[in-house]
N, C-alpha and C. Protein backbone atom coordinates (compact mmCIF):
# COMPACT_ATOMS: atom_id res chain seq x y z
N ARG A 1 102.00 86.59 103.02
CA ARG A 1 100.43 87.29 103.17
C ARG A 1 98.91 86.56 104.56
N ALA A 2 99.56 85.15 104.58
CA ALA A 2 98.40 84.56 105.86
C ALA A 2 99.23 85.04 107.12
N ARG A 3 100.34 85.14 107.18
CA ARG A 3 100.47 85.86 108.83
C ARG A 3 100.42 86.95 109.08
N VAL A 4 100.72 87.89 108.07
CA VAL A 4 100.16 89.53 107.86
C VAL A 4 98.71 89.76 107.96
N ARG A 5 97.69 88.73 107.44
CA ARG A 5 96.48 88.69 107.87
C ARG A 5 95.93 88.41 109.00
N GLU A 6 96.64 87.02 109.82
CA GLU A 6 96.54 86.36 110.87
C GLU A 6 97.01 87.89 111.93
N ALA A 7 98.05 88.24 112.08
CA ALA A 7 98.19 89.62 112.70
C ALA A 7 97.18 90.86 112.72
N ALA A 8 96.74 91.07 111.86
CA ALA A 8 95.49 92.15 111.45
C ALA A 8 94.47 91.48 112.44
N VAL A 9 94.23 90.30 111.63
CA VAL A 9 92.58 89.60 112.45
C VAL A 9 92.79 89.71 113.90
N ALA A 10 94.22 89.23 114.18
CA ALA A 10 94.05 89.06 116.18
C ALA A 10 93.77 90.12 116.65
N ALA A 11 94.67 91.33 115.72
CA ALA A 11 94.40 93.18 116.61
C ALA A 11 92.49 93.76 116.35
N LEU A 12 92.19 93.09 115.52
CA LEU A 12 90.50 93.31 115.39
C LEU A 12 89.51 92.26 116.43
N LYS A 13 90.15 91.18 116.12
CA LYS A 13 89.18 90.40 117.37
C LYS A 13 89.62 91.11 118.38
N ALA A 14 90.41 90.89 119.47
CA ALA A 14 90.65 91.57 120.60
C ALA A 14 90.41 92.71 120.94
N GLU A 15 89.97 93.94 119.89
CA GLU A 15 89.52 95.08 120.10
C GLU A 15 87.82 95.06 119.68
N ARG A 16 87.38 93.78 119.40
CA ARG A 16 85.92 93.62 119.24
C ARG A 16 85.28 94.31 117.85
N ALA A 17 86.09 94.41 116.85
CA ALA A 17 85.76 94.93 115.76
C ALA A 17 84.98 93.81 114.68
N LYS A 18 83.85 94.02 114.95
CA LYS A 18 83.35 93.15 113.94
C LYS A 18 83.34 92.85 112.58
N ASP A 19 83.57 94.40 111.63
CA ASP A 19 84.01 94.18 110.66
C ASP A 19 84.65 95.07 110.38
N ALA A 20 86.05 94.98 109.29
CA ALA A 20 86.66 95.78 109.08
C ALA A 20 87.36 95.88 107.45
N MET A 21 87.61 96.73 106.48
CA MET A 21 88.18 96.65 105.66
C MET A 21 89.26 97.49 105.92
N LEU A 22 90.41 97.05 106.03
CA LEU A 22 91.95 97.40 106.52
C LEU A 22 92.57 96.73 104.91
N SER A 23 93.72 98.07 104.42
CA SER A 23 94.11 97.56 103.55
C SER A 23 95.86 97.62 104.42
N ILE A 24 96.76 96.93 103.84
CA ILE A 24 97.88 96.77 104.64
C ILE A 24 99.50 96.77 102.99
N THR A 25 99.67 98.15 103.30
CA THR A 25 100.59 97.93 101.88
C THR A 25 101.98 98.07 101.92
N PHE A 26 102.71 97.79 101.49
CA PHE A 26 104.17 97.63 102.29
C PHE A 26 104.98 98.29 100.94
N VAL A 27 105.69 99.26 101.63
CA VAL A 27 106.33 100.50 100.56
C VAL A 27 107.55 100.65 100.97
N GLY A 28 108.44 101.38 99.97
CA GLY A 28 109.90 101.68 100.23
C GLY A 28 110.05 102.59 101.15
N ARG A 29 111.13 102.98 101.45
CA ARG A 29 111.80 104.39 102.23
C ARG A 29 111.25 105.55 101.59
N ALA A 30 111.51 105.67 100.13
CA ALA A 30 110.58 107.31 99.83
C ALA A 30 109.34 106.85 99.75
N THR A 31 108.37 105.93 99.85
CA THR A 31 107.27 106.58 99.63
C THR A 31 107.20 106.57 100.97
N ILE A 32 107.31 105.83 101.96
CA ILE A 32 107.20 106.37 103.16
C ILE A 32 107.51 107.62 103.61
N SER A 33 108.49 108.23 103.25
CA SER A 33 108.83 109.62 103.99
C SER A 33 108.25 110.52 102.98
N HIS A 34 107.79 110.67 102.43
CA HIS A 34 106.77 111.23 101.18
C HIS A 34 105.58 110.94 101.95
N LEU A 35 104.87 110.23 102.32
CA LEU A 35 103.59 110.01 103.12
C LEU A 35 103.95 110.74 104.64
N ASN A 36 104.94 110.51 105.08
CA ASN A 36 105.42 111.26 106.70
C ASN A 36 105.34 112.55 106.37
N HIS A 37 106.00 113.15 105.16
CA HIS A 37 106.23 114.73 104.72
C HIS A 37 104.84 114.86 104.97
N ARG A 38 103.88 114.44 103.80
CA ARG A 38 102.93 115.09 103.43
C ARG A 38 101.54 115.05 104.08
N TYR A 39 101.17 113.82 104.88
CA TYR A 39 100.09 113.84 105.73
C TYR A 39 100.76 113.98 107.64
N LEU A 40 101.97 113.69 107.88
CA LEU A 40 102.39 113.73 108.93
C LEU A 40 102.84 115.25 109.44
N GLY A 41 103.63 115.76 107.90
CA GLY A 41 104.31 117.00 108.23
C GLY A 41 105.93 116.48 108.81
N HIS A 42 106.32 115.20 109.29
CA HIS A 42 107.37 114.57 109.26
C HIS A 42 108.34 114.62 108.51
N HIS A 43 109.48 114.70 108.49
CA HIS A 43 111.01 114.30 107.76
C HIS A 43 111.49 113.47 107.87
N GLY A 44 111.62 112.57 106.81
CA GLY A 44 112.33 111.02 106.64
C GLY A 44 111.14 109.94 106.43
N PRO A 45 111.76 108.78 106.51
CA PRO A 45 111.08 107.30 106.39
C PRO A 45 110.73 107.15 108.10
N THR A 46 109.82 106.52 107.76
CA THR A 46 109.21 105.93 109.19
C THR A 46 109.14 104.32 109.46
N ASP A 47 108.94 103.81 109.84
CA ASP A 47 108.03 102.46 109.69
C ASP A 47 106.93 101.96 109.60
N VAL A 48 105.53 102.41 110.49
CA VAL A 48 104.30 102.48 110.17
C VAL A 48 103.51 103.68 109.94
N ILE A 49 102.94 103.68 109.27
CA ILE A 49 101.91 104.96 109.43
C ILE A 49 100.59 104.29 108.69
N SER A 50 99.76 104.77 109.71
CA SER A 50 97.75 104.51 110.04
C SER A 50 97.28 105.57 109.27
N PHE A 51 96.05 104.88 108.34
CA PHE A 51 95.68 106.21 108.52
C PHE A 51 93.56 105.56 108.70
N GLY A 52 93.35 106.02 109.61
CA GLY A 52 92.02 105.24 110.50
C GLY A 52 91.13 106.53 109.59
N LEU A 53 89.96 105.95 108.74
CA LEU A 53 89.11 106.67 108.01
C LEU A 53 87.86 106.80 108.28
N GLY A 54 87.25 106.03 109.65
CA GLY A 54 86.51 106.29 110.42
C GLY A 54 85.20 104.71 110.11
N ARG A 55 84.22 105.02 110.49
CA ARG A 55 83.70 103.45 110.31
C ARG A 55 82.51 104.13 108.86
N VAL A 56 81.88 102.92 108.19
CA VAL A 56 81.05 103.07 106.96
C VAL A 56 79.69 103.08 108.17
N GLY A 57 79.02 104.08 108.38
CA GLY A 57 77.95 103.90 108.76
C GLY A 57 78.02 104.14 110.23
N ARG A 58 76.89 104.32 110.90
CA ARG A 58 76.99 104.58 112.43
C ARG A 58 77.43 102.92 113.23
N ARG A 59 77.19 101.74 112.63
CA ARG A 59 77.80 100.35 113.06
C ARG A 59 78.61 99.33 112.22
N GLY A 60 78.83 100.50 111.58
CA GLY A 60 79.43 99.98 109.72
C GLY A 60 80.87 99.77 110.42
N ALA A 61 81.58 99.03 109.46
CA ALA A 61 82.96 98.73 109.38
C ALA A 61 84.00 99.77 109.66
N VAL A 62 84.68 99.11 110.44
CA VAL A 62 86.18 100.18 110.21
C VAL A 62 87.11 100.13 109.59
N VAL A 63 86.98 101.52 108.98
CA VAL A 63 87.85 101.38 107.57
C VAL A 63 89.65 101.93 107.60
N GLY A 64 90.26 101.38 106.82
CA GLY A 64 91.72 102.11 107.58
C GLY A 64 92.12 101.78 106.75
N ASP A 65 93.81 102.37 105.99
CA ASP A 65 95.06 101.96 105.54
C ASP A 65 96.30 102.28 106.21
N VAL A 66 96.91 100.92 106.31
CA VAL A 66 98.09 100.88 106.82
C VAL A 66 99.45 100.39 106.16
N TYR A 67 100.08 101.43 105.96
CA TYR A 67 101.60 101.87 104.95
C TYR A 67 103.13 101.14 106.07
N ILE A 68 103.59 100.15 105.55
CA ILE A 68 104.64 99.67 106.46
C ILE A 68 105.59 99.95 105.36
N CYS A 69 107.20 100.28 106.19
CA CYS A 69 108.13 99.88 105.13
C CYS A 69 108.86 99.06 105.57
N ALA A 70 108.83 98.16 104.86
CA ALA A 70 109.98 96.58 104.87
C ALA A 70 111.26 96.67 105.56
N GLU A 71 111.80 97.63 104.56
CA GLU A 71 113.22 97.80 105.56
C GLU A 71 113.52 98.85 106.15
N ILE A 72 112.75 99.64 106.85
CA ILE A 72 112.93 100.48 108.44
C ILE A 72 112.42 99.12 109.09
N ALA A 73 111.85 98.59 108.66
CA ALA A 73 111.59 97.43 109.98
C ALA A 73 112.40 96.05 110.22
N ARG A 74 113.26 95.87 108.64
CA ARG A 74 114.58 95.47 109.16
C ARG A 74 115.70 95.57 109.76
N GLU A 75 115.44 97.09 109.68
CA GLU A 75 116.71 97.82 110.58
C GLU A 75 116.22 97.92 111.76
N ASN A 76 115.29 97.92 112.29
CA ASN A 76 114.51 98.57 113.82
C ASN A 76 114.79 96.70 114.19
N ALA A 77 114.85 95.90 113.61
CA ALA A 77 114.82 94.28 114.13
C ALA A 77 115.86 94.15 114.17
N LYS A 78 117.05 94.64 113.50
CA LYS A 78 118.55 94.19 113.79
C LYS A 78 119.20 94.75 114.46
N ALA A 79 118.21 95.76 115.02
CA ALA A 79 118.97 96.88 116.07
C ALA A 79 118.63 96.63 117.52
N GLN A 80 117.47 96.02 117.53
CA GLN A 80 116.22 95.12 118.70
C GLN A 80 116.78 93.77 118.87
N GLY A 81 117.59 92.87 117.56
CA GLY A 81 117.90 91.80 117.77
C GLY A 81 116.80 90.65 118.04
N ILE A 82 116.01 91.41 116.92
CA ILE A 82 114.66 90.35 116.87
C ILE A 82 114.80 90.21 115.38
N SER A 83 113.82 89.01 114.94
CA SER A 83 113.33 88.84 113.73
C SER A 83 112.83 89.72 113.14
N ALA A 84 112.95 89.54 111.62
CA ALA A 84 112.84 91.16 110.90
C ALA A 84 111.01 90.76 110.84
N GLY A 85 110.72 89.27 110.80
CA GLY A 85 108.95 88.62 110.99
C GLY A 85 108.35 89.16 111.56
N GLU A 86 108.75 88.90 112.86
CA GLU A 86 108.27 89.70 114.10
C GLU A 86 108.46 91.14 114.34
N GLU A 87 109.11 91.44 113.87
CA GLU A 87 108.78 93.12 113.40
C GLU A 87 107.85 93.63 113.33
N LEU A 88 107.57 92.80 111.48
CA LEU A 88 106.71 92.81 110.89
C LEU A 88 105.37 93.16 111.11
N LEU A 89 105.26 91.65 111.67
CA LEU A 89 104.38 91.92 112.57
C LEU A 89 103.48 92.46 113.52
N ARG A 90 104.76 93.21 114.17
CA ARG A 90 104.35 93.91 115.58
C ARG A 90 103.69 95.26 114.94
N LEU A 91 104.33 95.61 113.51
CA LEU A 91 104.14 96.93 112.77
C LEU A 91 102.72 97.08 112.42
N VAL A 92 102.37 95.61 111.61
CA VAL A 92 100.90 95.32 111.07
C VAL A 92 100.08 95.48 112.18
N ILE A 93 100.23 94.93 113.67
CA ILE A 93 99.42 95.16 114.81
C ILE A 93 99.08 96.30 115.12
N HIS A 94 100.44 97.19 115.25
CA HIS A 94 100.50 98.39 115.83
C HIS A 94 99.53 99.57 114.77
N GLY A 95 99.81 99.30 113.52
CA GLY A 95 98.99 99.92 112.61
C GLY A 95 97.34 99.81 112.43
N THR A 96 97.24 98.74 112.69
CA THR A 96 95.55 98.39 113.34
C THR A 96 95.09 98.78 114.60
N LEU A 97 95.81 98.78 115.40
CA LEU A 97 95.58 99.31 116.72
C LEU A 97 95.53 100.58 116.53
N HIS A 98 96.63 101.87 115.79
CA HIS A 98 95.92 103.03 115.38
C HIS A 98 94.77 103.29 114.51
N VAL A 99 94.69 102.73 113.83
CA VAL A 99 93.29 102.57 112.61
C VAL A 99 92.35 102.69 113.70
N LEU A 100 92.35 101.81 114.66
CA LEU A 100 90.71 101.92 115.70
C LEU A 100 90.76 102.42 116.63
N GLY A 101 91.75 103.16 115.85
CA GLY A 101 91.55 104.72 117.05
C GLY A 101 92.45 104.91 118.20
N HIS A 102 93.30 103.68 118.66
CA HIS A 102 94.40 103.80 119.63
C HIS A 102 95.55 104.81 119.38
N ASP A 103 96.42 105.39 120.06
CA ASP A 103 97.75 106.09 120.05
C ASP A 103 98.17 105.84 121.68
N HIS A 104 99.58 106.17 121.35
CA HIS A 104 100.77 106.41 122.36
C HIS A 104 101.29 107.65 122.59
N PRO A 105 102.21 107.83 123.63
CA PRO A 105 103.22 109.15 123.50
C PRO A 105 104.28 108.78 122.85
N THR A 106 105.12 109.86 122.15
CA THR A 106 106.26 109.63 121.68
C THR A 106 107.14 109.78 122.61
N GLY A 107 108.40 109.51 121.53
CA GLY A 107 109.28 109.28 122.98
C GLY A 107 109.73 108.02 123.97
N ALA A 108 110.50 108.26 125.28
CA ALA A 108 110.47 106.98 126.24
C ALA A 108 109.07 106.58 126.67
N GLY A 109 107.99 107.52 126.26
CA GLY A 109 106.55 106.58 127.03
C GLY A 109 105.92 106.15 126.09
N ARG A 110 106.36 105.72 124.54
CA ARG A 110 106.15 104.56 124.06
C ARG A 110 105.83 103.40 124.43
N THR A 111 106.90 102.93 124.71
CA THR A 111 107.15 101.41 124.89
C THR A 111 106.36 101.12 125.92
N THR A 112 106.16 102.22 126.64
CA THR A 112 105.06 101.59 128.39
C THR A 112 103.72 101.76 128.34
N SER A 113 103.57 102.75 127.33
CA SER A 113 101.80 102.96 127.12
C SER A 113 100.97 102.26 126.78
N PRO A 114 99.57 101.87 127.51
CA PRO A 114 98.77 100.91 127.28
C PRO A 114 98.50 100.29 126.15
N MET A 115 98.54 101.06 124.48
CA MET A 115 98.49 100.90 123.59
C MET A 115 99.97 99.69 123.37
N TRP A 116 100.84 100.08 123.69
CA TRP A 116 101.95 99.17 123.20
C TRP A 116 101.69 98.04 124.25
N ARG A 117 101.65 98.14 125.50
CA ARG A 117 101.54 96.74 126.17
C ARG A 117 100.31 96.15 125.57
N ARG A 118 99.08 96.36 124.99
CA ARG A 118 98.18 95.82 124.13
C ARG A 118 98.22 95.08 123.27
N GLN A 119 99.39 96.06 122.40
CA GLN A 119 99.98 95.41 121.05
C GLN A 119 100.84 93.91 121.31
N GLU A 120 101.78 94.18 122.48
CA GLU A 120 102.58 92.88 122.94
C GLU A 120 101.84 91.89 122.99
N ARG A 121 100.66 92.01 123.68
CA ARG A 121 99.72 91.18 124.18
C ARG A 121 99.40 90.42 122.95
N ILE A 122 98.82 91.28 122.01
CA ILE A 122 98.46 90.45 120.91
C ILE A 122 99.34 89.54 119.68
N LEU A 123 100.58 90.41 120.26
CA LEU A 123 101.67 89.93 119.31
C LEU A 123 102.01 88.57 119.46
N ALA A 124 101.91 88.53 120.69
CA ALA A 124 102.05 87.28 121.68
C ALA A 124 101.39 86.07 120.80
N ARG A 125 100.14 86.53 121.03
CA ARG A 125 99.28 85.55 120.47
C ARG A 125 99.88 84.94 119.03
N VAL A 126 99.89 85.66 118.18
CA VAL A 126 100.32 85.11 117.15
C VAL A 126 101.59 84.67 116.44
N LEU A 127 102.68 85.02 117.51
CA LEU A 127 103.95 84.59 117.10
C LEU A 127 104.28 82.88 117.46
């Protein structure tokens, strides 16, 4: 829990978000598949889904939810030859950046996008 909180707070601080109400929930494959289909229109599981709910008031707290599938994260980590812990922290940061309004292209451009580079800089600080 402490590492998850540390990663989320690092992303919020890096983006100068002074106040935030952020929930981070770990879910199973079936739940993430359901969320992916219901809210994004995609079939099957994914590693992380984020919902930025905006700000409370004009200058208020950033509000959002991040859902992470640890099972998919472990599979991705194994395929990339990294630890599951590192991948989970990456997804916490990735989801938090989405809540803050960042986005990236799908496909090959994802890992070279400005958001991805920002995410990796933040991750390096918490590893």
